[in-house]
N, C-alpha and C. Protein backbone atom coordinates (compact mmCIF):
# COMPACT_ATOMS: atom_id res chain seq x y z
N GLY A 1 -16.15 -23.70 -54.45
CA GLY A 1 -15.86 -22.53 -54.18
C GLY A 1 -16.93 -21.65 -53.49
N GLN A 2 -18.26 -22.16 -53.08
CA GLN A 2 -19.17 -21.62 -52.23
C GLN A 2 -18.79 -22.05 -50.91
N PHE A 3 -18.24 -23.49 -50.82
CA PHE A 3 -17.94 -24.21 -49.62
C PHE A 3 -16.47 -23.50 -48.87
N THR A 4 -15.62 -22.82 -50.07
CA THR A 4 -14.67 -22.45 -49.23
C THR A 4 -14.84 -20.82 -48.65
N GLU A 5 -15.67 -20.43 -49.71
CA GLU A 5 -16.25 -19.22 -48.80
C GLU A 5 -17.02 -19.24 -47.61
N LEU A 6 -17.72 -20.13 -47.36
CA LEU A 6 -18.64 -20.26 -46.36
C LEU A 6 -17.28 -20.74 -44.73
N VAL A 7 -16.86 -21.51 -45.35
CA VAL A 7 -15.34 -21.90 -44.55
C VAL A 7 -14.92 -20.69 -43.66
N ALA A 8 -14.10 -19.84 -44.66
CA ALA A 8 -13.68 -18.52 -44.55
C ALA A 8 -14.49 -17.64 -43.56
N THR A 9 -15.97 -17.58 -44.09
CA THR A 9 -16.61 -16.52 -43.37
C THR A 9 -17.01 -17.10 -42.06
N ALA A 10 -17.00 -18.57 -41.49
CA ALA A 10 -17.21 -19.30 -40.41
C ALA A 10 -15.76 -18.90 -39.43
N VAL A 11 -14.52 -18.66 -40.41
CA VAL A 11 -13.60 -18.95 -39.30
C VAL A 11 -13.38 -17.48 -39.10
N ALA A 12 -13.62 -16.21 -39.84
CA ALA A 12 -13.82 -14.96 -39.57
C ALA A 12 -14.63 -14.63 -38.66
N ASN A 13 -15.71 -15.14 -38.47
CA ASN A 13 -17.00 -15.05 -37.34
C ASN A 13 -16.13 -15.50 -36.03
N ALA A 14 -15.57 -16.68 -36.04
CA ALA A 14 -14.87 -17.10 -34.96
C ALA A 14 -13.75 -16.12 -34.26
N GLU A 15 -13.01 -15.84 -35.27
CA GLU A 15 -11.77 -14.95 -34.82
C GLU A 15 -12.50 -13.37 -34.28
N ALA A 16 -13.72 -13.37 -35.09
CA ALA A 16 -14.08 -11.73 -34.23
C ALA A 16 -14.85 -12.10 -32.74
N ARG A 17 -15.53 -13.45 -33.20
CA ARG A 17 -15.99 -13.54 -31.52
C ARG A 17 -14.97 -13.41 -30.47
N GLN A 18 -14.12 -14.21 -30.78
CA GLN A 18 -12.59 -14.51 -29.97
C GLN A 18 -12.27 -12.90 -29.63
N ALA A 19 -12.01 -12.09 -30.48
CA ALA A 19 -11.42 -10.78 -30.31
C ALA A 19 -12.05 -9.60 -29.38
N LEU A 20 -13.72 -10.24 -29.43
CA LEU A 20 -14.68 -9.59 -28.58
C LEU A 20 -14.75 -9.52 -27.20
N GLU A 21 -14.67 -11.18 -27.21
CA GLU A 21 -14.61 -11.58 -25.89
C GLU A 21 -13.47 -11.48 -25.14
N ARG A 22 -12.09 -11.26 -26.10
CA ARG A 22 -10.90 -10.46 -25.07
C ARG A 22 -11.21 -9.14 -24.72
N VAL A 23 -11.79 -8.38 -25.59
CA VAL A 23 -11.97 -7.20 -25.37
C VAL A 23 -12.51 -6.66 -24.13
N ALA A 24 -13.80 -7.66 -23.85
CA ALA A 24 -14.74 -7.40 -22.76
C ALA A 24 -14.18 -8.11 -21.64
N ALA A 25 -13.26 -9.00 -21.78
CA ALA A 25 -12.78 -9.20 -20.27
C ALA A 25 -11.75 -8.48 -20.27
N GLU A 26 -11.03 -7.82 -21.13
CA GLU A 26 -9.85 -6.59 -20.52
C GLU A 26 -10.99 -5.93 -20.01
N GLN A 27 -11.82 -4.96 -20.63
CA GLN A 27 -12.46 -4.19 -19.81
C GLN A 27 -13.21 -4.37 -18.52
N ALA A 28 -13.52 -5.64 -18.45
CA ALA A 28 -13.63 -5.88 -17.08
C ALA A 28 -12.83 -5.85 -16.00
N THR A 29 -11.48 -6.15 -16.29
CA THR A 29 -10.48 -6.18 -15.70
C THR A 29 -10.05 -4.68 -15.18
N LEU A 30 -9.95 -4.11 -16.15
CA LEU A 30 -9.81 -2.23 -15.79
C LEU A 30 -11.06 -1.92 -14.93
N ARG A 31 -12.50 -2.28 -15.21
CA ARG A 31 -13.27 -1.51 -14.35
C ARG A 31 -12.88 -2.40 -12.96
N ARG A 32 -12.28 -3.59 -12.74
CA ARG A 32 -12.07 -3.92 -11.43
C ARG A 32 -10.91 -2.93 -10.56
N ILE A 33 -10.06 -2.81 -11.71
CA ILE A 33 -8.72 -1.98 -10.95
C ILE A 33 -9.44 -0.45 -10.68
N ALA A 34 -10.06 -0.33 -11.32
CA ALA A 34 -10.55 1.33 -11.29
C ALA A 34 -11.40 1.29 -10.03
N THR A 35 -12.22 0.21 -9.89
CA THR A 35 -13.16 0.25 -8.65
C THR A 35 -11.92 0.54 -7.39
N LEU A 36 -11.20 -0.40 -7.37
CA LEU A 36 -10.42 -0.50 -6.39
C LEU A 36 -9.62 0.90 -5.71
N ILE A 37 -9.07 1.56 -7.24
CA ILE A 37 -8.57 2.70 -6.76
C ILE A 37 -10.08 3.63 -6.32
N ALA A 38 -11.22 3.74 -6.58
CA ALA A 38 -12.01 4.48 -6.24
C ALA A 38 -12.67 4.43 -4.67
N ARG A 39 -12.10 3.16 -4.53
CA ARG A 39 -12.47 2.81 -2.84
C ARG A 39 -11.27 3.17 -2.05
N GLY A 40 -10.04 3.84 -2.77
CA GLY A 40 -9.15 4.03 -2.04
C GLY A 40 -7.90 2.98 -1.16
N VAL A 41 -7.88 1.79 -2.23
CA VAL A 41 -7.35 1.11 -1.62
C VAL A 41 -5.79 1.40 -1.59
N GLN A 42 -4.85 1.30 -0.83
CA GLN A 42 -3.18 1.52 -0.87
C GLN A 42 -2.68 1.18 -2.24
N PRO A 43 -2.01 2.19 -2.63
CA PRO A 43 -1.03 2.07 -4.25
C PRO A 43 -0.48 0.60 -4.17
N GLU A 44 0.24 0.09 -3.17
CA GLU A 44 1.01 -1.24 -3.04
C GLU A 44 0.02 -2.30 -3.50
N LYS A 45 -1.28 -2.66 -2.86
CA LYS A 45 -2.19 -3.10 -2.97
C LYS A 45 -2.51 -3.45 -4.72
N VAL A 46 -2.93 -2.25 -5.20
CA VAL A 46 -3.29 -1.49 -6.79
C VAL A 46 -1.85 -2.32 -7.57
N PHE A 47 -1.05 -1.92 -7.27
CA PHE A 47 0.35 -2.43 -8.08
C PHE A 47 0.21 -3.90 -8.28
N ALA A 48 -0.05 -4.56 -7.26
CA ALA A 48 -0.14 -6.11 -7.10
C ALA A 48 -1.20 -6.46 -8.12
N VAL A 49 -2.12 -5.81 -7.69
CA VAL A 49 -3.61 -6.59 -8.61
C VAL A 49 -3.13 -5.95 -9.88
N VAL A 50 -2.76 -4.77 -10.19
CA VAL A 50 -2.39 -4.34 -11.99
C VAL A 50 -1.60 -5.54 -12.73
N ALA A 51 -0.58 -5.78 -11.60
CA ALA A 51 0.72 -6.94 -12.14
C ALA A 51 0.12 -8.47 -12.81
N ASP A 52 -0.84 -8.86 -11.78
CA ASP A 52 -1.93 -9.95 -11.79
C ASP A 52 -2.68 -10.06 -12.91
N GLU A 53 -3.30 -8.94 -12.97
CA GLU A 53 -4.61 -8.65 -13.90
C GLU A 53 -3.89 -8.60 -15.08
N THR A 54 -3.02 -7.68 -15.66
CA THR A 54 -1.82 -7.36 -16.79
C THR A 54 -1.80 -8.45 -17.46
N ALA A 55 -0.72 -9.35 -16.50
CA ALA A 55 -0.39 -10.99 -16.78
C ALA A 55 -1.28 -11.47 -17.31
N ALA A 56 -2.48 -11.97 -16.89
CA ALA A 56 -3.50 -12.67 -17.18
C ALA A 56 -4.16 -12.24 -18.58
N ALA A 57 -4.40 -11.01 -18.59
CA ALA A 57 -4.57 -10.21 -19.45
C ALA A 57 -3.65 -10.13 -21.00
N LEU A 58 -2.54 -10.38 -20.75
CA LEU A 58 -1.70 -10.27 -21.99
C LEU A 58 -0.92 -11.60 -21.88
N ASP A 59 -1.29 -12.90 -21.36
CA ASP A 59 -0.77 -13.70 -20.99
C ASP A 59 0.94 -13.76 -20.90
N ALA A 60 1.16 -12.89 -19.94
CA ALA A 60 2.56 -12.79 -19.80
C ALA A 60 3.03 -12.64 -18.64
N ILE A 61 4.40 -12.07 -18.24
CA ILE A 61 4.49 -11.86 -16.82
C ILE A 61 4.63 -10.31 -16.90
N ALA A 62 4.28 -9.86 -15.88
CA ALA A 62 4.01 -8.52 -15.50
C ALA A 62 4.36 -7.75 -14.14
N THR A 63 5.08 -6.62 -14.67
CA THR A 63 5.56 -5.79 -13.59
C THR A 63 5.64 -4.23 -13.52
N VAL A 64 4.99 -3.98 -12.22
CA VAL A 64 5.22 -2.64 -12.36
C VAL A 64 6.49 -2.01 -11.25
N MET A 65 6.80 -1.14 -12.23
CA MET A 65 8.35 -0.69 -11.41
C MET A 65 8.53 0.97 -11.44
N ARG A 66 9.10 1.09 -10.13
CA ARG A 66 9.19 2.60 -10.00
C ARG A 66 10.80 3.04 -10.66
N PHE A 67 11.20 3.98 -11.40
CA PHE A 67 12.50 4.56 -11.49
C PHE A 67 13.00 5.01 -10.03
N GLU A 68 14.54 4.81 -10.14
CA GLU A 68 15.19 5.38 -9.20
C GLU A 68 16.40 6.17 -10.36
N HIS A 69 16.97 7.03 -9.51
CA HIS A 69 17.83 8.00 -10.40
C HIS A 69 19.37 7.90 -10.09
N ASP A 70 19.66 7.63 -9.15
CA ASP A 70 20.97 8.00 -8.31
C ASP A 70 21.49 6.55 -7.79
N PRO A 71 21.70 5.38 -8.50
CA PRO A 71 21.82 5.54 -10.07
C PRO A 71 21.13 5.13 -10.49
N PRO A 72 20.54 4.92 -11.65
CA PRO A 72 19.59 4.70 -12.28
C PRO A 72 19.35 3.18 -12.45
N GLY A 73 17.93 3.03 -11.92
CA GLY A 73 17.39 1.70 -11.37
C GLY A 73 16.17 1.80 -11.46
N VAL A 74 15.22 0.32 -11.16
CA VAL A 74 13.83 0.39 -11.36
C VAL A 74 13.95 -0.67 -9.80
N VAL A 75 12.80 -0.19 -9.00
CA VAL A 75 12.43 -0.93 -7.91
C VAL A 75 10.62 -1.77 -8.28
N VAL A 76 10.83 -2.89 -7.88
CA VAL A 76 9.57 -3.64 -8.40
C VAL A 76 8.42 -3.55 -7.19
N MET A 77 7.38 -2.82 -7.82
CA MET A 77 6.63 -2.37 -6.88
C MET A 77 5.34 -3.47 -6.50
N GLY A 78 5.13 -3.99 -7.86
CA GLY A 78 4.10 -5.16 -7.97
C GLY A 78 4.41 -6.20 -9.28
N ILE A 79 4.23 -7.26 -9.10
CA ILE A 79 4.88 -8.18 -10.17
C ILE A 79 3.93 -9.42 -10.18
N SER A 80 3.81 -9.75 -11.18
CA SER A 80 3.11 -11.53 -11.39
C SER A 80 3.36 -12.33 -10.10
N THR A 81 2.56 -13.20 -9.31
CA THR A 81 2.87 -13.78 -8.24
C THR A 81 3.64 -14.78 -9.06
N GLU A 82 3.68 -15.64 -10.15
CA GLU A 82 4.07 -16.61 -10.58
C GLU A 82 5.73 -16.44 -10.92
N ALA A 83 6.20 -15.20 -11.09
CA ALA A 83 7.46 -14.78 -11.39
C ALA A 83 8.48 -15.13 -9.96
N GLY A 84 7.81 -14.95 -9.08
CA GLY A 84 8.50 -15.29 -7.81
C GLY A 84 9.73 -14.62 -7.26
N ILE A 85 9.46 -13.20 -7.75
CA ILE A 85 10.55 -11.93 -7.34
C ILE A 85 9.95 -11.21 -6.34
N PRO A 86 10.55 -10.93 -5.40
CA PRO A 86 9.56 -10.17 -4.27
C PRO A 86 9.68 -8.60 -4.65
N VAL A 87 8.52 -8.12 -4.05
CA VAL A 87 8.49 -6.81 -4.46
C VAL A 87 9.60 -5.49 -3.43
N GLY A 88 9.70 -4.68 -3.67
CA GLY A 88 11.50 -4.19 -3.31
C GLY A 88 12.51 -4.26 -4.19
N THR A 89 12.35 -5.24 -4.87
CA THR A 89 13.85 -6.04 -5.82
C THR A 89 13.98 -4.67 -6.47
N ARG A 90 15.23 -4.56 -6.40
CA ARG A 90 15.85 -3.20 -7.32
C ARG A 90 16.96 -3.80 -8.15
N TRP A 91 16.92 -3.16 -9.64
CA TRP A 91 17.60 -3.58 -10.68
C TRP A 91 18.33 -2.45 -11.12
N ASP A 92 19.50 -2.66 -11.17
CA ASP A 92 20.42 -1.21 -12.36
C ASP A 92 19.64 -1.59 -13.50
N LEU A 93 19.55 -0.32 -14.02
CA LEU A 93 18.95 -0.76 -15.60
C LEU A 93 20.34 -0.80 -16.64
N VAL A 94 19.98 -1.88 -17.49
CA VAL A 94 21.13 -2.43 -18.06
C VAL A 94 20.70 -2.72 -19.57
N GLU A 95 21.76 -2.66 -20.58
CA GLU A 95 21.07 -3.04 -22.29
C GLU A 95 20.15 -4.02 -22.29
N GLY A 96 19.42 -4.00 -22.85
CA GLY A 96 18.50 -5.07 -22.95
C GLY A 96 17.21 -4.95 -22.71
N MET A 97 17.26 -4.01 -21.16
CA MET A 97 16.08 -3.94 -20.68
C MET A 97 15.08 -2.58 -21.55
N THR A 98 13.66 -3.39 -21.75
CA THR A 98 12.86 -2.44 -22.19
C THR A 98 12.73 -1.14 -21.18
N SER A 99 12.73 -1.45 -20.20
CA SER A 99 12.42 -0.01 -18.96
C SER A 99 13.90 0.60 -18.99
N ALA A 100 14.78 0.21 -19.46
CA ALA A 100 16.02 1.32 -19.85
C ALA A 100 15.64 2.33 -20.96
N GLU A 101 15.15 1.63 -21.72
CA GLU A 101 14.68 2.48 -23.14
C GLU A 101 13.79 3.66 -22.71
N VAL A 102 12.65 3.16 -21.83
CA VAL A 102 12.06 4.24 -21.46
C VAL A 102 12.20 5.41 -20.71
N TYR A 103 13.60 4.93 -19.84
CA TYR A 103 14.06 5.67 -18.99
C TYR A 103 14.62 6.92 -19.55
N ARG A 104 15.19 6.25 -20.87
CA ARG A 104 16.12 6.92 -21.62
C ARG A 104 15.01 7.90 -22.55
N THR A 105 13.89 7.60 -22.81
CA THR A 105 13.56 8.25 -24.17
C THR A 105 11.98 9.06 -23.66
N GLY A 106 11.54 8.09 -22.36
CA GLY A 106 10.04 8.53 -22.09
C GLY A 106 8.81 7.86 -23.06
N ARG A 107 9.36 6.87 -23.96
CA ARG A 107 8.13 6.56 -24.42
C ARG A 107 8.23 4.86 -24.36
N SER A 108 7.18 4.24 -24.90
CA SER A 108 7.08 2.78 -24.95
C SER A 108 8.33 2.28 -25.55
N ALA A 109 8.78 1.06 -25.15
CA ALA A 109 9.97 0.00 -25.71
C ALA A 109 9.43 -1.15 -25.93
N ARG A 110 9.83 -1.83 -26.75
CA ARG A 110 9.53 -3.35 -27.30
C ARG A 110 11.15 -4.06 -27.96
N ARG A 111 11.15 -5.13 -27.18
CA ARG A 111 12.29 -5.72 -27.74
C ARG A 111 11.44 -7.02 -28.27
N GLY A 112 11.89 -7.44 -29.39
CA GLY A 112 11.15 -8.37 -30.36
C GLY A 112 11.51 -9.90 -29.94
N ALA A 113 11.13 -10.69 -30.37
CA ALA A 113 11.02 -12.29 -29.85
C ALA A 113 12.85 -12.54 -30.48
N ASP A 114 13.38 -13.18 -29.62
CA ASP A 114 14.95 -13.22 -29.51
C ASP A 114 15.52 -14.02 -28.17
N ALA A 115 15.19 -15.61 -28.55
CA ALA A 115 15.06 -16.71 -27.45
C ALA A 115 16.66 -16.65 -26.96
N ASP A 116 17.65 -15.96 -27.67
CA ASP A 116 19.08 -16.17 -27.19
C ASP A 116 19.65 -15.06 -26.55
N TYR A 117 18.61 -13.71 -26.74
CA TYR A 117 19.10 -12.49 -26.12
C TYR A 117 19.80 -12.60 -25.21
N TRP A 118 19.06 -13.31 -23.83
CA TRP A 118 19.63 -13.37 -22.64
C TRP A 118 20.67 -14.33 -21.99
N SER A 119 20.63 -15.24 -22.98
CA SER A 119 21.78 -16.32 -22.55
C SER A 119 23.01 -16.21 -22.80
N SER A 120 23.56 -15.20 -23.48
CA SER A 120 25.23 -14.72 -23.29
C SER A 120 25.60 -13.62 -22.64
N ARG A 121 24.59 -13.33 -22.01
CA ARG A 121 24.75 -11.64 -20.97
C ARG A 121 25.19 -12.26 -19.55
N GLU A 122 25.57 -11.59 -18.51
CA GLU A 122 25.55 -11.89 -17.57
C GLU A 122 25.13 -11.00 -16.56
N GLY A 123 24.72 -11.17 -15.19
CA GLY A 123 24.45 -10.05 -14.54
C GLY A 123 22.69 -11.01 -13.87
N GLU A 124 22.69 -9.99 -12.91
CA GLU A 124 20.69 -10.37 -12.07
C GLU A 124 19.92 -10.08 -13.08
N VAL A 125 19.97 -9.58 -13.64
CA VAL A 125 18.92 -9.30 -14.94
C VAL A 125 18.62 -10.32 -15.89
N ALA A 126 19.91 -10.75 -16.20
CA ALA A 126 20.09 -11.34 -17.38
C ALA A 126 19.77 -13.17 -16.69
N GLN A 127 20.38 -13.07 -15.59
CA GLN A 127 19.60 -14.72 -15.03
C GLN A 127 17.88 -14.83 -14.61
N VAL A 128 17.28 -13.42 -14.01
CA VAL A 128 16.11 -13.40 -14.08
C VAL A 128 15.29 -13.83 -15.40
N ALA A 129 15.88 -13.11 -16.49
CA ALA A 129 15.58 -13.12 -17.70
C ALA A 129 14.92 -14.62 -17.91
N ARG A 130 16.33 -15.14 -17.74
CA ARG A 130 16.41 -16.77 -18.28
C ARG A 130 15.80 -17.77 -17.43
N ARG A 131 15.50 -17.28 -16.24
CA ARG A 131 14.71 -18.57 -15.60
C ARG A 131 13.21 -18.27 -15.74
N LEU A 132 12.96 -17.01 -16.30
CA LEU A 132 11.51 -16.75 -16.97
C LEU A 132 11.25 -16.90 -18.15
N GLY A 133 12.20 -17.43 -18.69
CA GLY A 133 12.18 -17.37 -20.32
C GLY A 133 11.87 -16.31 -21.18
N SER A 134 12.32 -15.30 -20.74
CA SER A 134 12.00 -14.04 -21.55
C SER A 134 12.48 -14.23 -23.24
N VAL A 135 11.70 -14.02 -23.83
CA VAL A 135 11.95 -13.91 -25.39
C VAL A 135 11.77 -12.67 -25.93
N SER A 136 10.29 -12.20 -25.42
CA SER A 136 9.48 -11.08 -25.94
C SER A 136 9.41 -10.03 -25.06
N GLN A 137 9.54 -8.11 -24.59
CA GLN A 137 9.53 -7.64 -23.59
C GLN A 137 8.79 -6.37 -24.36
N VAL A 138 7.90 -5.92 -23.83
CA VAL A 138 7.39 -4.33 -23.67
C VAL A 138 7.10 -3.65 -22.70
N SER A 139 7.45 -2.52 -22.59
CA SER A 139 7.53 -1.42 -21.20
C SER A 139 6.59 -0.04 -21.75
N CYS A 140 5.59 0.49 -20.82
CA CYS A 140 5.16 1.47 -20.99
C CYS A 140 5.46 2.27 -20.00
N PRO A 141 5.82 3.92 -20.37
CA PRO A 141 5.92 4.87 -19.08
C PRO A 141 4.45 4.88 -18.49
N ILE A 142 4.80 4.82 -17.07
CA ILE A 142 4.05 5.48 -16.26
C ILE A 142 4.20 7.15 -15.75
N VAL A 143 3.09 7.87 -16.40
CA VAL A 143 3.66 9.30 -16.10
C VAL A 143 2.76 9.99 -15.13
N VAL A 144 3.29 10.51 -14.44
CA VAL A 144 2.61 11.11 -13.04
C VAL A 144 3.12 12.69 -12.87
N GLU A 145 2.15 13.84 -13.22
CA GLU A 145 2.32 14.95 -13.18
C GLU A 145 3.46 15.36 -14.31
N GLY A 146 3.66 15.18 -15.41
CA GLY A 146 4.67 15.53 -16.32
C GLY A 146 5.80 14.52 -16.61
N ALA A 147 5.99 13.92 -15.34
CA ALA A 147 7.25 13.07 -14.94
C ALA A 147 7.14 11.38 -15.25
N VAL A 148 7.96 10.57 -16.05
CA VAL A 148 8.26 9.48 -16.04
C VAL A 148 8.41 8.74 -14.68
N TRP A 149 7.16 8.70 -14.05
CA TRP A 149 7.49 7.73 -12.48
C TRP A 149 7.87 6.31 -12.66
N GLY A 150 7.88 5.73 -13.62
CA GLY A 150 8.35 4.40 -13.96
C GLY A 150 7.63 3.41 -15.08
N VAL A 151 7.31 2.50 -15.00
CA VAL A 151 7.02 1.31 -16.49
C VAL A 151 6.18 0.27 -15.85
N ILE A 152 5.28 -0.14 -16.62
CA ILE A 152 4.68 -1.39 -16.78
C ILE A 152 5.19 -2.44 -17.75
N ALA A 153 6.12 -3.20 -17.07
CA ALA A 153 6.59 -4.25 -18.20
C ALA A 153 5.88 -5.59 -18.32
N VAL A 154 5.90 -6.25 -20.07
CA VAL A 154 5.67 -7.50 -19.94
C VAL A 154 6.46 -8.20 -20.41
N THR A 155 6.79 -9.70 -20.16
CA THR A 155 7.86 -10.32 -20.79
C THR A 155 7.07 -11.74 -21.07
N ALA A 156 7.37 -12.25 -22.30
CA ALA A 156 6.57 -13.78 -22.73
C ALA A 156 7.95 -14.58 -23.17
N ARG A 157 7.16 -15.58 -23.40
CA ARG A 157 8.30 -16.64 -23.50
C ARG A 157 7.93 -17.04 -25.11
N GLU A 158 6.94 -15.85 -25.72
CA GLU A 158 6.99 -16.05 -27.04
C GLU A 158 6.72 -14.22 -27.46
N GLU A 159 6.69 -14.19 -28.88
CA GLU A 159 6.47 -12.63 -29.46
C GLU A 159 5.05 -12.20 -28.98
N LEU A 160 5.38 -10.99 -28.53
CA LEU A 160 4.13 -10.67 -27.63
C LEU A 160 3.56 -9.67 -29.32
N PRO A 161 2.07 -9.88 -28.97
CA PRO A 161 1.35 -9.35 -30.49
C PRO A 161 1.43 -7.45 -30.46
N PRO A 162 1.18 -7.29 -31.92
CA PRO A 162 1.76 -6.02 -32.06
C PRO A 162 0.81 -4.72 -31.40
N ASP A 163 -0.26 -5.48 -30.86
CA ASP A 163 -1.39 -4.40 -29.93
C ASP A 163 -1.01 -4.33 -28.62
N THR A 164 0.10 -5.17 -28.04
CA THR A 164 0.52 -4.97 -26.52
C THR A 164 0.50 -3.74 -26.06
N GLU A 165 1.71 -2.53 -26.78
CA GLU A 165 1.81 -1.38 -26.25
C GLU A 165 0.53 -0.72 -25.88
N ARG A 166 -0.31 -0.82 -27.12
CA ARG A 166 -1.81 0.15 -26.57
C ARG A 166 -2.44 -0.57 -25.54
N ARG A 167 -2.25 -2.28 -25.48
CA ARG A 167 -3.50 -2.41 -24.50
C ARG A 167 -2.78 -2.18 -23.00
N LEU A 168 -1.39 -2.16 -23.18
CA LEU A 168 -0.78 -2.22 -21.59
C LEU A 168 -0.93 -0.75 -21.30
N GLU A 169 -0.88 0.50 -22.09
CA GLU A 169 -1.09 1.97 -21.84
C GLU A 169 -2.56 2.02 -21.09
N LYS A 170 -3.28 0.94 -21.33
CA LYS A 170 -4.75 1.21 -20.19
C LYS A 170 -4.10 1.14 -19.09
N PHE A 171 -3.69 0.07 -18.67
CA PHE A 171 -3.02 -0.29 -17.39
C PHE A 171 -2.36 0.71 -17.15
N THR A 172 -1.47 1.62 -17.70
CA THR A 172 -0.51 2.45 -17.09
C THR A 172 -1.52 3.78 -16.27
N GLU A 173 -2.64 3.74 -17.15
CA GLU A 173 -3.58 4.94 -16.80
C GLU A 173 -4.24 4.86 -15.52
N LEU A 174 -4.26 3.35 -15.21
CA LEU A 174 -5.08 3.45 -13.91
C LEU A 174 -3.82 3.31 -12.90
N VAL A 175 -2.37 2.91 -12.83
CA VAL A 175 -1.63 3.09 -12.05
C VAL A 175 -1.48 4.35 -11.73
N THR A 176 -1.06 5.40 -12.92
CA THR A 176 -1.27 6.66 -12.77
C THR A 176 -2.29 7.42 -11.90
N THR A 177 -3.09 7.06 -12.23
CA THR A 177 -4.49 7.02 -11.10
C THR A 177 -4.28 6.76 -9.91
N ALA A 178 -3.82 5.86 -9.58
CA ALA A 178 -3.64 5.26 -8.39
C ALA A 178 -2.51 6.06 -7.49
N ILE A 179 -1.57 6.44 -8.25
CA ILE A 179 -0.32 7.09 -7.74
C ILE A 179 -0.69 8.90 -7.11
N ALA A 180 -1.51 9.33 -7.87
CA ALA A 180 -2.00 10.61 -7.75
C ALA A 180 -3.21 10.39 -6.84
N THR A 181 -3.70 9.69 -6.98
CA THR A 181 -4.96 9.65 -5.72
C THR A 181 -4.08 9.35 -4.18
N ALA A 182 -3.20 8.87 -4.23
CA ALA A 182 -2.41 8.54 -3.23
C ALA A 182 -1.32 9.62 -2.69
N SER A 183 -1.21 10.38 -3.63
CA SER A 183 0.06 11.72 -3.46
C SER A 183 1.43 11.14 -3.11
N GLN A 184 1.80 10.25 -3.91
CA GLN A 184 3.14 9.46 -3.58
C GLN A 184 4.00 10.63 -4.33
N PRO A 185 5.28 10.85 -3.29
CA PRO A 185 6.18 11.54 -4.09
C PRO A 185 6.91 11.14 -5.45
N ILE A 186 6.78 11.96 -6.12
CA ILE A 186 7.44 11.42 -7.96
C ILE A 186 8.88 11.90 -7.89
N PRO A 187 9.81 11.00 -7.70
CA PRO A 187 11.33 11.02 -7.88
C PRO A 187 11.48 11.57 -9.13
N ARG A 188 12.32 12.50 -9.41
CA ARG A 188 12.36 13.66 -10.74
C ARG A 188 14.30 12.76 -10.98
N LYS A 189 14.60 13.07 -12.29
CA LYS A 189 15.54 12.93 -12.70
C LYS A 189 16.43 13.97 -12.31
N PRO A 190 17.95 13.76 -11.70
CA PRO A 190 18.80 14.84 -11.74
C PRO A 190 18.70 16.02 -12.60
């Protein structure tokens, strides 16, 4: 019984240490991005860094996208390097995209693990999702001056952890600051 208790304590300590290391790494990442913004780096560069840093922090592919409204769609403003998708790529909002849910509701959205979700779907978004091995997806709104400007979306090959939305919201705050600092025009829904 005492041995079991010691092993359980050791495991709990190791897990707590890993969680603390993850939080420290995430805080360092957020400070690096905030420093770029404070130095006045152009939003396009900030978007690229946010996408790569978010991808590394969450072990997923990350995309910063701006909404367009006529017709409703998203434009890639920054994306993880490994995705191989160029900045400026535009996709119509289609069922199954968490960014479409954010566009509709203005709130974070999640699509839980479903390895077969995109397998029977057609269209460019489905092709990209299959190529990336998208199983789980989370999107959080980027709100600038009270309007939903776009989203940060992450997609992974396995179920994203339950705290992904909370962690992703920290990155959206930095993107909001970068946009507001650069005085980017904010497209509004018609």
